Amino acid sequence: MKKFDMSKFKLRKVTIDEIDDRMLLINLYATQAVTLIIGLIWIFFQKGNPILLFSAPKDFSFLYWGAGLAAAVLLVDLAVSRFVPDEVNDDGGVNDRIFKNRAWWHILLLSFVVAVCEETLFRGGIQATIGPYWTSIIFAAIHVRYLKHWIPTGLVFSISYGLGWIYEYTDTLWTPIVAHFLIDAIMGFIIRFRRE
């Protein structure tokens, strides 16, 4: 039996350009699966019920709140991208790599998966324990690609706080899921179909 030699094991920083498309998608789906599992475990230890968390809302007002927040976020984001230099908003090219050559249906699928997984953990799990402010700080911190610049970090924090607020106001997890989905999908379509 061969013994594993830890002295030969080396970690190195990998840039987004060194990862092929298949590995990028594997990483994306794997991190979302881990996020969902942690969220469900968190909810379980809070003695919550994930089935109740995903129960159907009483009316359709959650759609209006989700779409309204998404529209506000997109307007602010477009204004920032128009008046702020590109290097200040740089995420290292991750979003371009994820969305630029993706089929429209895959953009919708990715956006839905990310919205459900992240909102389950952050709004459904963490926010119930520490509230929307500290949840938003953690949410901004895990989006590490934005931490090099304060404007995108501030935007991610603000978006997260907005998602937390509409979750508490509407009392359904589907509201932040709808908002998160619309934000990601529309920004994905903008990246995919924009002209240089």
N, C-alpha and C. Protein backbone atom coordinates (compact mmCIF):
# COMPACT_ATOMS: atom_id res chain seq x y z
N MET A 1 0.85 -1.18 0.00
CA MET A 1 0.00 0.00 0.00
C MET A 1 0.89 1.23 0.00
N LYS A 2 0.56 2.16 -0.88
CA LYS A 2 1.35 3.36 -1.02
C LYS A 2 0.96 4.39 0.04
N LYS A 3 1.95 5.01 0.65
CA LYS A 3 1.70 6.00 1.68
C LYS A 3 1.67 7.39 1.05
N PHE A 4 0.74 8.21 1.50
CA PHE A 4 0.60 9.57 0.99
C PHE A 4 1.60 10.47 1.70
N ASP A 5 2.42 11.16 0.92
CA ASP A 5 3.46 12.03 1.48
C ASP A 5 2.97 13.47 1.48
N MET A 6 2.66 14.00 2.67
CA MET A 6 2.14 15.37 2.80
C MET A 6 3.19 16.42 2.46
N SER A 7 4.47 16.07 2.52
CA SER A 7 5.50 17.06 2.21
C SER A 7 5.49 17.45 0.74
N LYS A 8 4.93 16.59 -0.12
CA LYS A 8 4.84 16.89 -1.55
C LYS A 8 3.56 17.63 -1.91
N PHE A 9 2.68 17.76 -0.94
CA PHE A 9 1.40 18.43 -1.16
C PHE A 9 1.61 19.94 -1.04
N LYS A 10 1.29 20.67 -2.10
CA LYS A 10 1.47 22.13 -2.09
C LYS A 10 0.22 22.81 -2.57
N LEU A 11 -0.16 23.86 -1.88
CA LEU A 11 -1.28 24.69 -2.30
C LEU A 11 -0.74 25.86 -3.09
N ARG A 12 -1.45 26.22 -4.13
CA ARG A 12 -1.07 27.42 -4.86
C ARG A 12 -2.34 28.14 -5.30
N LYS A 13 -2.21 29.42 -5.44
CA LYS A 13 -3.34 30.23 -5.87
C LYS A 13 -3.57 30.00 -7.36
N VAL A 14 -4.83 29.80 -7.71
CA VAL A 14 -5.21 29.57 -9.10
C VAL A 14 -6.06 30.74 -9.56
N THR A 15 -5.74 31.28 -10.72
CA THR A 15 -6.56 32.36 -11.27
C THR A 15 -7.73 31.77 -12.04
N ILE A 16 -8.72 32.60 -12.29
CA ILE A 16 -9.91 32.15 -13.01
C ILE A 16 -9.56 31.70 -14.42
N ASP A 17 -8.53 32.27 -15.01
CA ASP A 17 -8.13 31.90 -16.36
C ASP A 17 -7.52 30.50 -16.44
N GLU A 18 -7.06 29.97 -15.32
CA GLU A 18 -6.44 28.64 -15.29
C GLU A 18 -7.46 27.51 -15.12
N ILE A 19 -8.71 27.87 -14.87
CA ILE A 19 -9.76 26.87 -14.66
C ILE A 19 -10.56 26.73 -15.95
N ASP A 20 -10.73 25.50 -16.42
CA ASP A 20 -11.55 25.32 -17.62
C ASP A 20 -13.04 25.41 -17.25
N ASP A 21 -13.88 25.50 -18.27
CA ASP A 21 -15.31 25.72 -18.06
C ASP A 21 -15.96 24.59 -17.26
N ARG A 22 -15.57 23.38 -17.54
CA ARG A 22 -16.13 22.23 -16.82
C ARG A 22 -15.82 22.30 -15.34
N MET A 23 -14.56 22.60 -15.00
CA MET A 23 -14.16 22.69 -13.59
C MET A 23 -14.83 23.88 -12.90
N LEU A 24 -15.01 24.97 -13.63
CA LEU A 24 -15.70 26.14 -13.08
C LEU A 24 -17.13 25.76 -12.68
N LEU A 25 -17.83 25.05 -13.56
CA LEU A 25 -19.20 24.62 -13.25
C LEU A 25 -19.24 23.61 -12.12
N ILE A 26 -18.29 22.68 -12.10
CA ILE A 26 -18.23 21.71 -11.00
C ILE A 26 -18.05 22.43 -9.67
N ASN A 27 -17.13 23.41 -9.64
CA ASN A 27 -16.92 24.19 -8.41
C ASN A 27 -18.17 24.95 -8.01
N LEU A 28 -18.83 25.56 -8.99
CA LEU A 28 -20.02 26.35 -8.70
C LEU A 28 -21.13 25.48 -8.12
N TYR A 29 -21.43 24.37 -8.79
CA TYR A 29 -22.50 23.50 -8.30
C TYR A 29 -22.12 22.82 -6.98
N ALA A 30 -20.85 22.46 -6.81
CA ALA A 30 -20.42 21.83 -5.55
C ALA A 30 -20.54 22.80 -4.38
N THR A 31 -20.10 24.05 -4.57
CA THR A 31 -20.20 25.02 -3.47
C THR A 31 -21.66 25.32 -3.15
N GLN A 32 -22.52 25.32 -4.15
CA GLN A 32 -23.94 25.55 -3.88
C GLN A 32 -24.55 24.36 -3.14
N ALA A 33 -24.14 23.14 -3.49
CA ALA A 33 -24.63 21.96 -2.78
C ALA A 33 -24.20 22.01 -1.31
N VAL A 34 -22.94 22.36 -1.07
CA VAL A 34 -22.44 22.49 0.31
C VAL A 34 -23.21 23.58 1.05
N THR A 35 -23.46 24.70 0.38
CA THR A 35 -24.22 25.80 0.99
C THR A 35 -25.62 25.33 1.39
N LEU A 36 -26.29 24.60 0.51
CA LEU A 36 -27.63 24.09 0.81
C LEU A 36 -27.60 23.11 1.97
N ILE A 37 -26.64 22.21 1.98
CA ILE A 37 -26.54 21.22 3.06
C ILE A 37 -26.29 21.91 4.40
N ILE A 38 -25.37 22.87 4.42
CA ILE A 38 -25.11 23.61 5.67
C ILE A 38 -26.36 24.35 6.11
N GLY A 39 -27.08 24.96 5.15
CA GLY A 39 -28.31 25.66 5.48
C GLY A 39 -29.35 24.75 6.09
N LEU A 40 -29.54 23.56 5.50
CA LEU A 40 -30.53 22.62 6.03
C LEU A 40 -30.12 22.11 7.41
N ILE A 41 -28.82 21.85 7.61
CA ILE A 41 -28.34 21.42 8.93
C ILE A 41 -28.56 22.54 9.95
N TRP A 42 -28.25 23.77 9.56
CA TRP A 42 -28.45 24.92 10.46
C TRP A 42 -29.92 25.02 10.87
N ILE A 43 -30.81 24.91 9.90
CA ILE A 43 -32.25 24.99 10.18
C ILE A 43 -32.67 23.85 11.10
N PHE A 44 -32.15 22.66 10.85
CA PHE A 44 -32.46 21.49 11.68
C PHE A 44 -32.03 21.73 13.13
N PHE A 45 -30.82 22.26 13.35
CA PHE A 45 -30.34 22.50 14.71
C PHE A 45 -31.06 23.64 15.40
N GLN A 46 -31.71 24.48 14.62
CA GLN A 46 -32.55 25.52 15.23
C GLN A 46 -33.96 25.01 15.51
N LYS A 47 -34.15 23.72 15.26
CA LYS A 47 -35.44 23.07 15.40
C LYS A 47 -36.46 23.67 14.44
N GLY A 48 -35.96 24.10 13.28
CA GLY A 48 -36.83 24.60 12.23
C GLY A 48 -37.28 23.48 11.31
N ASN A 49 -38.23 23.80 10.46
CA ASN A 49 -38.76 22.82 9.54
C ASN A 49 -38.56 23.33 8.11
N PRO A 50 -37.63 22.73 7.35
CA PRO A 50 -37.39 23.20 5.99
C PRO A 50 -38.63 23.12 5.09
N ILE A 51 -39.50 22.16 5.36
CA ILE A 51 -40.71 22.04 4.55
C ILE A 51 -41.60 23.26 4.77
N LEU A 52 -41.74 23.68 6.03
CA LEU A 52 -42.52 24.89 6.31
C LEU A 52 -41.83 26.13 5.74
N LEU A 53 -40.51 26.12 5.77
CA LEU A 53 -39.75 27.26 5.25
C LEU A 53 -40.03 27.47 3.76
N PHE A 54 -40.21 26.38 3.03
CA PHE A 54 -40.47 26.47 1.59
C PHE A 54 -41.95 26.36 1.25
N SER A 55 -42.83 26.49 2.25
CA SER A 55 -44.26 26.39 1.96
C SER A 55 -44.71 27.55 1.07
N ALA A 56 -45.78 27.30 0.34
CA ALA A 56 -46.29 28.30 -0.61
C ALA A 56 -46.80 29.53 0.13
N PRO A 57 -46.46 30.72 -0.37
CA PRO A 57 -46.96 31.95 0.25
C PRO A 57 -48.48 32.06 0.13
N LYS A 58 -49.07 32.90 0.99
CA LYS A 58 -50.52 33.06 1.03
C LYS A 58 -51.06 33.77 -0.21
N ASP A 59 -50.30 34.70 -0.73
CA ASP A 59 -50.73 35.45 -1.92
C ASP A 59 -49.52 35.72 -2.81
N PHE A 60 -49.70 36.56 -3.81
CA PHE A 60 -48.63 36.81 -4.77
C PHE A 60 -47.82 38.08 -4.47
N SER A 61 -48.04 38.69 -3.31
CA SER A 61 -47.31 39.92 -2.99
C SER A 61 -45.80 39.67 -2.90
N PHE A 62 -45.38 38.45 -2.57
CA PHE A 62 -43.96 38.14 -2.49
C PHE A 62 -43.28 38.36 -3.85
N LEU A 63 -44.02 38.13 -4.94
CA LEU A 63 -43.45 38.37 -6.28
C LEU A 63 -43.19 39.86 -6.50
N TYR A 64 -44.12 40.70 -6.05
CA TYR A 64 -43.94 42.15 -6.23
C TYR A 64 -42.76 42.66 -5.41
N TRP A 65 -42.66 42.18 -4.16
CA TRP A 65 -41.54 42.61 -3.32
C TRP A 65 -40.21 42.12 -3.88
N GLY A 66 -40.17 40.88 -4.32
CA GLY A 66 -38.93 40.33 -4.89
C GLY A 66 -38.54 41.05 -6.17
N ALA A 67 -39.51 41.26 -7.06
CA ALA A 67 -39.23 41.96 -8.32
C ALA A 67 -38.87 43.42 -8.07
N GLY A 68 -39.51 44.04 -7.09
CA GLY A 68 -39.21 45.44 -6.76
C GLY A 68 -37.79 45.61 -6.24
N LEU A 69 -37.39 44.73 -5.33
CA LEU A 69 -36.01 44.81 -4.83
C LEU A 69 -35.02 44.53 -5.95
N ALA A 70 -35.31 43.54 -6.79
CA ALA A 70 -34.41 43.23 -7.91
C ALA A 70 -34.28 44.43 -8.84
N ALA A 71 -35.38 45.11 -9.14
CA ALA A 71 -35.33 46.28 -10.03
C ALA A 71 -34.49 47.40 -9.41
N ALA A 72 -34.67 47.64 -8.11
CA ALA A 72 -33.88 48.67 -7.43
C ALA A 72 -32.40 48.33 -7.47
N VAL A 73 -32.06 47.08 -7.18
CA VAL A 73 -30.66 46.64 -7.18
C VAL A 73 -30.06 46.79 -8.57
N LEU A 74 -30.79 46.38 -9.60
CA LEU A 74 -30.27 46.46 -10.97
C LEU A 74 -30.07 47.91 -11.41
N LEU A 75 -30.98 48.80 -11.02
CA LEU A 75 -30.82 50.22 -11.36
C LEU A 75 -29.57 50.81 -10.69
N VAL A 76 -29.39 50.49 -9.42
CA VAL A 76 -28.21 50.99 -8.70
C VAL A 76 -26.94 50.39 -9.31
N ASP A 77 -26.96 49.10 -9.60
CA ASP A 77 -25.79 48.45 -10.16
C ASP A 77 -25.44 49.02 -11.53
N LEU A 78 -26.43 49.26 -12.36
CA LEU A 78 -26.17 49.84 -13.69
C LEU A 78 -25.65 51.27 -13.57
N ALA A 79 -26.18 52.04 -12.62
CA ALA A 79 -25.69 53.40 -12.40
C ALA A 79 -24.23 53.37 -11.92
N VAL A 80 -23.94 52.48 -10.99
CA VAL A 80 -22.56 52.37 -10.49
C VAL A 80 -21.62 51.97 -11.62
N SER A 81 -22.03 50.98 -12.43
CA SER A 81 -21.15 50.53 -13.50
C SER A 81 -20.96 51.60 -14.57
N ARG A 82 -21.91 52.52 -14.69
CA ARG A 82 -21.78 53.60 -15.68
C ARG A 82 -20.83 54.70 -15.21
N PHE A 83 -20.85 55.00 -13.91
CA PHE A 83 -20.09 56.14 -13.41
C PHE A 83 -18.82 55.78 -12.65
N VAL A 84 -18.62 54.50 -12.38
CA VAL A 84 -17.44 54.08 -11.62
C VAL A 84 -16.52 53.31 -12.57
N PRO A 85 -15.23 53.55 -12.52
CA PRO A 85 -14.30 52.85 -13.42
C PRO A 85 -14.38 51.33 -13.25
N ASP A 86 -14.14 50.61 -14.35
CA ASP A 86 -14.24 49.14 -14.35
C ASP A 86 -13.32 48.50 -13.32
N GLU A 87 -12.11 49.04 -13.12
CA GLU A 87 -11.18 48.41 -12.19
C GLU A 87 -11.67 48.47 -10.74
N VAL A 88 -12.58 49.40 -10.43
CA VAL A 88 -13.13 49.49 -9.08
C VAL A 88 -14.20 48.41 -8.86
N ASN A 89 -14.84 47.99 -9.94
CA ASN A 89 -15.89 46.96 -9.86
C ASN A 89 -15.38 45.57 -10.22
N ASP A 90 -14.10 45.41 -10.40
CA ASP A 90 -13.53 44.16 -10.89
C ASP A 90 -13.74 43.01 -9.91
N ASP A 91 -14.28 41.91 -10.42
CA ASP A 91 -14.44 40.70 -9.60
C ASP A 91 -13.47 39.62 -10.04
N GLY A 92 -12.46 40.00 -10.79
CA GLY A 92 -11.47 39.04 -11.26
C GLY A 92 -11.92 38.26 -12.49
N GLY A 93 -13.01 38.69 -13.11
CA GLY A 93 -13.51 38.03 -14.31
C GLY A 93 -14.37 36.81 -14.06
N VAL A 94 -14.74 36.56 -12.80
CA VAL A 94 -15.52 35.37 -12.47
C VAL A 94 -16.90 35.41 -13.12
N ASN A 95 -17.62 36.52 -12.96
CA ASN A 95 -18.96 36.60 -13.53
C ASN A 95 -18.94 36.48 -15.05
N ASP A 96 -17.95 37.10 -15.69
CA ASP A 96 -17.82 36.95 -17.15
C ASP A 96 -17.62 35.49 -17.53
N ARG A 97 -16.75 34.81 -16.82
CA ARG A 97 -16.48 33.41 -17.13
C ARG A 97 -17.72 32.53 -16.90
N ILE A 98 -18.48 32.85 -15.87
CA ILE A 98 -19.67 32.04 -15.58
C ILE A 98 -20.75 32.24 -16.63
N PHE A 99 -20.99 33.48 -17.04
CA PHE A 99 -22.16 33.78 -17.87
C PHE A 99 -21.90 34.04 -19.35
N LYS A 100 -20.70 34.45 -19.71
CA LYS A 100 -20.45 34.97 -21.06
C LYS A 100 -20.83 34.02 -22.20
N ASN A 101 -20.53 32.75 -22.10
CA ASN A 101 -20.81 31.81 -23.18
C ASN A 101 -21.88 30.78 -22.80
N ARG A 102 -22.67 31.11 -21.80
CA ARG A 102 -23.66 30.17 -21.30
C ARG A 102 -24.97 30.29 -22.09
N ALA A 103 -25.65 29.17 -22.31
CA ALA A 103 -26.97 29.19 -22.95
C ALA A 103 -27.98 29.87 -22.02
N TRP A 104 -29.01 30.47 -22.60
CA TRP A 104 -29.99 31.22 -21.80
C TRP A 104 -30.63 30.35 -20.73
N TRP A 105 -30.95 29.08 -21.06
CA TRP A 105 -31.59 28.20 -20.09
C TRP A 105 -30.65 27.86 -18.94
N HIS A 106 -29.33 27.80 -19.24
CA HIS A 106 -28.36 27.49 -18.20
C HIS A 106 -28.17 28.69 -17.27
N ILE A 107 -28.27 29.91 -17.80
CA ILE A 107 -28.23 31.09 -16.95
C ILE A 107 -29.39 31.07 -15.96
N LEU A 108 -30.58 30.72 -16.46
CA LEU A 108 -31.76 30.63 -15.58
C LEU A 108 -31.57 29.54 -14.53
N LEU A 109 -31.06 28.38 -14.94
CA LEU A 109 -30.83 27.27 -14.01
C LEU A 109 -29.81 27.66 -12.94
N LEU A 110 -28.67 28.21 -13.36
CA LEU A 110 -27.65 28.63 -12.40
C LEU A 110 -28.21 29.65 -11.42
N SER A 111 -28.93 30.63 -11.93
CA SER A 111 -29.50 31.68 -11.08
C SER A 111 -30.47 31.11 -10.06
N PHE A 112 -31.28 30.14 -10.49
CA PHE A 112 -32.24 29.53 -9.58
C PHE A 112 -31.53 28.71 -8.50
N VAL A 113 -30.56 27.91 -8.90
CA VAL A 113 -29.81 27.08 -7.95
C VAL A 113 -29.12 27.96 -6.91
N VAL A 114 -28.43 28.99 -7.37
CA VAL A 114 -27.73 29.89 -6.44
C VAL A 114 -28.71 30.57 -5.50
N ALA A 115 -29.83 31.06 -6.04
CA ALA A 115 -30.81 31.75 -5.20
C ALA A 115 -31.37 30.84 -4.12
N VAL A 116 -31.76 29.63 -4.48
CA VAL A 116 -32.35 28.71 -3.49
C VAL A 116 -31.31 28.31 -2.45
N CYS A 117 -30.13 27.94 -2.88
CA CYS A 117 -29.10 27.45 -1.94
C CYS A 117 -28.64 28.55 -0.99
N GLU A 118 -28.30 29.72 -1.53
CA GLU A 118 -27.79 30.79 -0.67
C GLU A 118 -28.87 31.36 0.24
N GLU A 119 -30.09 31.51 -0.25
CA GLU A 119 -31.15 32.05 0.60
C GLU A 119 -31.56 31.05 1.69
N THR A 120 -31.46 29.76 1.40
CA THR A 120 -31.74 28.76 2.43
C THR A 120 -30.76 28.92 3.59
N LEU A 121 -29.48 29.05 3.27
CA LEU A 121 -28.48 29.21 4.34
C LEU A 121 -28.60 30.56 5.02
N PHE A 122 -28.56 31.63 4.23
CA PHE A 122 -28.43 32.95 4.84
C PHE A 122 -29.73 33.48 5.43
N ARG A 123 -30.81 33.46 4.68
CA ARG A 123 -32.07 33.97 5.23
C ARG A 123 -32.77 32.91 6.08
N GLY A 124 -32.83 31.66 5.58
CA GLY A 124 -33.54 30.62 6.30
C GLY A 124 -32.83 30.13 7.54
N GLY A 125 -31.50 30.16 7.54
CA GLY A 125 -30.74 29.63 8.67
C GLY A 125 -30.06 30.70 9.51
N ILE A 126 -29.06 31.35 8.95
CA ILE A 126 -28.21 32.26 9.72
C ILE A 126 -28.99 33.46 10.25
N GLN A 127 -29.83 34.05 9.40
CA GLN A 127 -30.54 35.27 9.82
C GLN A 127 -31.43 35.04 11.03
N ALA A 128 -32.00 33.85 11.15
CA ALA A 128 -32.85 33.56 12.32
C ALA A 128 -32.04 33.56 13.62
N THR A 129 -30.73 33.35 13.50
CA THR A 129 -29.87 33.30 14.68
C THR A 129 -29.25 34.66 15.01
N ILE A 130 -28.74 35.36 14.00
CA ILE A 130 -27.97 36.58 14.29
C ILE A 130 -28.53 37.85 13.66
N GLY A 131 -29.63 37.75 12.95
CA GLY A 131 -30.27 38.93 12.38
C GLY A 131 -29.71 39.33 11.03
N PRO A 132 -30.39 40.26 10.34
CA PRO A 132 -30.01 40.60 8.97
C PRO A 132 -28.68 41.35 8.85
N TYR A 133 -28.32 42.16 9.83
CA TYR A 133 -27.08 42.95 9.73
C TYR A 133 -25.85 42.03 9.71
N TRP A 134 -25.72 41.17 10.73
CA TRP A 134 -24.54 40.29 10.80
C TRP A 134 -24.57 39.23 9.71
N THR A 135 -25.77 38.81 9.32
CA THR A 135 -25.89 37.88 8.20
C THR A 135 -25.35 38.51 6.93
N SER A 136 -25.64 39.81 6.75
CA SER A 136 -25.17 40.51 5.55
C SER A 136 -23.66 40.68 5.55
N ILE A 137 -23.07 40.86 6.71
CA ILE A 137 -21.61 40.93 6.80
C ILE A 137 -20.99 39.59 6.37
N ILE A 138 -21.56 38.49 6.85
CA ILE A 138 -21.06 37.17 6.47
C ILE A 138 -21.29 36.93 4.98
N PHE A 139 -22.46 37.32 4.48
CA PHE A 139 -22.79 37.15 3.06
C PHE A 139 -21.78 37.91 2.19
N ALA A 140 -21.45 39.14 2.58
CA ALA A 140 -20.46 39.92 1.83
C ALA A 140 -19.08 39.27 1.91
N ALA A 141 -18.74 38.74 3.08
CA ALA A 141 -17.41 38.14 3.27
C ALA A 141 -17.23 36.88 2.42
N ILE A 142 -18.29 36.09 2.22
CA ILE A 142 -18.11 34.88 1.42
C ILE A 142 -18.00 35.19 -0.07
N HIS A 143 -18.43 36.37 -0.46
CA HIS A 143 -18.25 36.78 -1.86
C HIS A 143 -16.87 37.43 -1.97
N VAL A 144 -15.85 36.62 -1.70
CA VAL A 144 -14.47 37.11 -1.55
C VAL A 144 -13.94 37.82 -2.78
N ARG A 145 -14.46 37.49 -3.94
CA ARG A 145 -13.94 38.12 -5.15
C ARG A 145 -14.21 39.62 -5.18
N TYR A 146 -15.15 40.09 -4.36
CA TYR A 146 -15.45 41.52 -4.31
C TYR A 146 -14.70 42.25 -3.21
N LEU A 147 -14.07 41.53 -2.30
CA LEU A 147 -13.48 42.15 -1.12
C LEU A 147 -12.30 43.06 -1.41
N LYS A 148 -11.73 42.98 -2.62
CA LYS A 148 -10.60 43.85 -2.96
C LYS A 148 -11.03 45.30 -3.14
N HIS A 149 -12.31 45.52 -3.40
CA HIS A 149 -12.81 46.87 -3.67
C HIS A 149 -14.02 47.14 -2.79
N TRP A 150 -14.06 48.34 -2.20
CA TRP A 150 -15.11 48.63 -1.23
C TRP A 150 -16.47 48.86 -1.86
N ILE A 151 -16.55 49.35 -3.09
CA ILE A 151 -17.86 49.60 -3.70
C ILE A 151 -18.62 48.29 -3.94
N PRO A 152 -18.04 47.28 -4.61
CA PRO A 152 -18.79 46.03 -4.76
C PRO A 152 -19.09 45.34 -3.43
N THR A 153 -18.17 45.45 -2.47
CA THR A 153 -18.42 44.85 -1.16
C THR A 153 -19.61 45.54 -0.49
N GLY A 154 -19.66 46.86 -0.59
CA GLY A 154 -20.79 47.61 -0.04
C GLY A 154 -22.10 47.27 -0.73
N LEU A 155 -22.03 47.08 -2.05
CA LEU A 155 -23.24 46.70 -2.80
C LEU A 155 -23.73 45.31 -2.38
N VAL A 156 -22.81 44.36 -2.25
CA VAL A 156 -23.20 43.00 -1.85
C VAL A 156 -23.81 43.03 -0.44
N PHE A 157 -23.20 43.80 0.48
CA PHE A 157 -23.76 43.93 1.83
C PHE A 157 -25.17 44.53 1.77
N SER A 158 -25.33 45.59 0.98
CA SER A 158 -26.64 46.27 0.89
C SER A 158 -27.70 45.35 0.28
N ILE A 159 -27.32 44.63 -0.77
CA ILE A 159 -28.26 43.69 -1.39
C ILE A 159 -28.68 42.63 -0.37
N SER A 160 -27.71 42.09 0.36
CA SER A 160 -28.01 41.08 1.36
C SER A 160 -28.94 41.63 2.44
N TYR A 161 -28.68 42.86 2.88
CA TYR A 161 -29.53 43.46 3.91
C TYR A 161 -30.94 43.66 3.37
N GLY A 162 -31.04 44.07 2.11
CA GLY A 162 -32.36 44.20 1.48
C GLY A 162 -33.09 42.87 1.40
N LEU A 163 -32.35 41.82 1.04
CA LEU A 163 -32.95 40.48 0.99
C LEU A 163 -33.43 40.05 2.38
N GLY A 164 -32.63 40.37 3.40
CA GLY A 164 -33.03 40.04 4.77
C GLY A 164 -34.25 40.82 5.21
N TRP A 165 -34.31 42.09 4.83
CA TRP A 165 -35.45 42.92 5.22
C TRP A 165 -36.74 42.42 4.57
N ILE A 166 -36.70 42.14 3.24
CA ILE A 166 -37.94 41.68 2.61
C ILE A 166 -38.35 40.29 3.09
N TYR A 167 -37.37 39.50 3.51
CA TYR A 167 -37.71 38.20 4.09
C TYR A 167 -38.50 38.39 5.38
N GLU A 168 -38.01 39.28 6.25
CA GLU A 168 -38.72 39.52 7.50
C GLU A 168 -40.07 40.20 7.27
N TYR A 169 -40.13 41.10 6.30
CA TYR A 169 -41.37 41.84 6.05
C TYR A 169 -42.45 40.93 5.47
N THR A 170 -42.09 40.08 4.51
CA THR A 170 -43.10 39.24 3.84
C THR A 170 -43.29 37.90 4.53
N ASP A 171 -42.34 37.52 5.38
CA ASP A 171 -42.41 36.27 6.14
C ASP A 171 -42.47 35.04 5.25
N THR A 172 -41.82 35.11 4.09
CA THR A 172 -41.69 33.93 3.23
C THR A 172 -40.31 33.95 2.58
N LEU A 173 -39.66 32.80 2.58
CA LEU A 173 -38.33 32.68 1.98
C LEU A 173 -38.38 32.87 0.46
N TRP A 174 -39.57 32.70 -0.13
CA TRP A 174 -39.69 32.83 -1.57
C TRP A 174 -39.45 34.27 -2.05
N THR A 175 -39.66 35.25 -1.19
CA THR A 175 -39.42 36.64 -1.61
C THR A 175 -37.94 36.90 -1.89
N PRO A 176 -37.02 36.60 -0.94
CA PRO A 176 -35.61 36.80 -1.29
C PRO A 176 -35.12 35.85 -2.38
N ILE A 177 -35.72 34.67 -2.49
CA ILE A 177 -35.33 33.76 -3.57
C ILE A 177 -35.68 34.39 -4.92
N VAL A 178 -36.88 34.94 -5.04
CA VAL A 178 -37.30 35.59 -6.29
C VAL A 178 -36.37 36.76 -6.61
N ALA A 179 -36.09 37.62 -5.61
CA ALA A 179 -35.22 38.77 -5.84
C ALA A 179 -33.82 38.33 -6.25
N HIS A 180 -33.25 37.38 -5.52
CA HIS A 180 -31.89 36.89 -5.80
C HIS A 180 -31.84 36.27 -7.20
N PHE A 181 -32.85 35.47 -7.54
CA PHE A 181 -32.92 34.85 -8.87
C PHE A 181 -32.96 35.91 -9.97
N LEU A 182 -33.82 36.91 -9.82
CA LEU A 182 -33.96 37.94 -10.86
C LEU A 182 -32.68 38.75 -11.02
N ILE A 183 -32.05 39.10 -9.90
CA ILE A 183 -30.79 39.86 -9.96
C ILE A 183 -29.74 39.07 -10.72
N ASP A 184 -29.52 37.82 -10.32
CA ASP A 184 -28.50 36.99 -10.96
C ASP A 184 -28.82 36.72 -12.42
N ALA A 185 -30.08 36.38 -12.71
CA ALA A 185 -30.46 36.05 -14.08
C ALA A 185 -30.32 37.25 -15.01
N ILE A 186 -30.82 38.40 -14.59
CA ILE A 186 -30.75 39.59 -15.45
C ILE A 186 -29.31 40.03 -15.64
N MET A 187 -28.51 40.02 -14.56
CA MET A 187 -27.10 40.38 -14.72
C MET A 187 -26.38 39.34 -15.59
N GLY A 188 -26.76 38.08 -15.47
CA GLY A 188 -26.19 37.04 -16.34
C GLY A 188 -26.53 37.28 -17.80
N PHE A 189 -27.78 37.67 -18.07
CA PHE A 189 -28.18 37.97 -19.45
C PHE A 189 -27.48 39.21 -19.99
N ILE A 190 -27.28 40.20 -19.12
CA ILE A 190 -26.56 41.41 -19.55
C ILE A 190 -25.13 41.04 -19.94
N ILE A 191 -24.47 40.23 -19.11
CA ILE A 191 -23.11 39.79 -19.43
C ILE A 191 -23.09 38.96 -20.70
N ARG A 192 -24.07 38.06 -20.84
CA ARG A 192 -24.10 37.15 -21.99
C ARG A 192 -24.38 37.86 -23.31
N PHE A 193 -25.29 38.83 -23.30
CA PHE A 193 -25.75 39.42 -24.55
C PHE A 193 -25.28 40.85 -24.81
N ARG A 194 -24.44 41.39 -23.91
CA ARG A 194 -23.99 42.76 -24.12
C ARG A 194 -23.04 42.83 -25.32
N ARG A 195 -22.99 43.99 -25.90
CA ARG A 195 -22.05 44.21 -27.00
C ARG A 195 -20.83 44.91 -26.44
N GLU A 196 -19.68 44.49 -26.91
CA GLU A 196 -18.44 45.11 -26.42
C GLU A 196 -18.37 46.55 -26.89
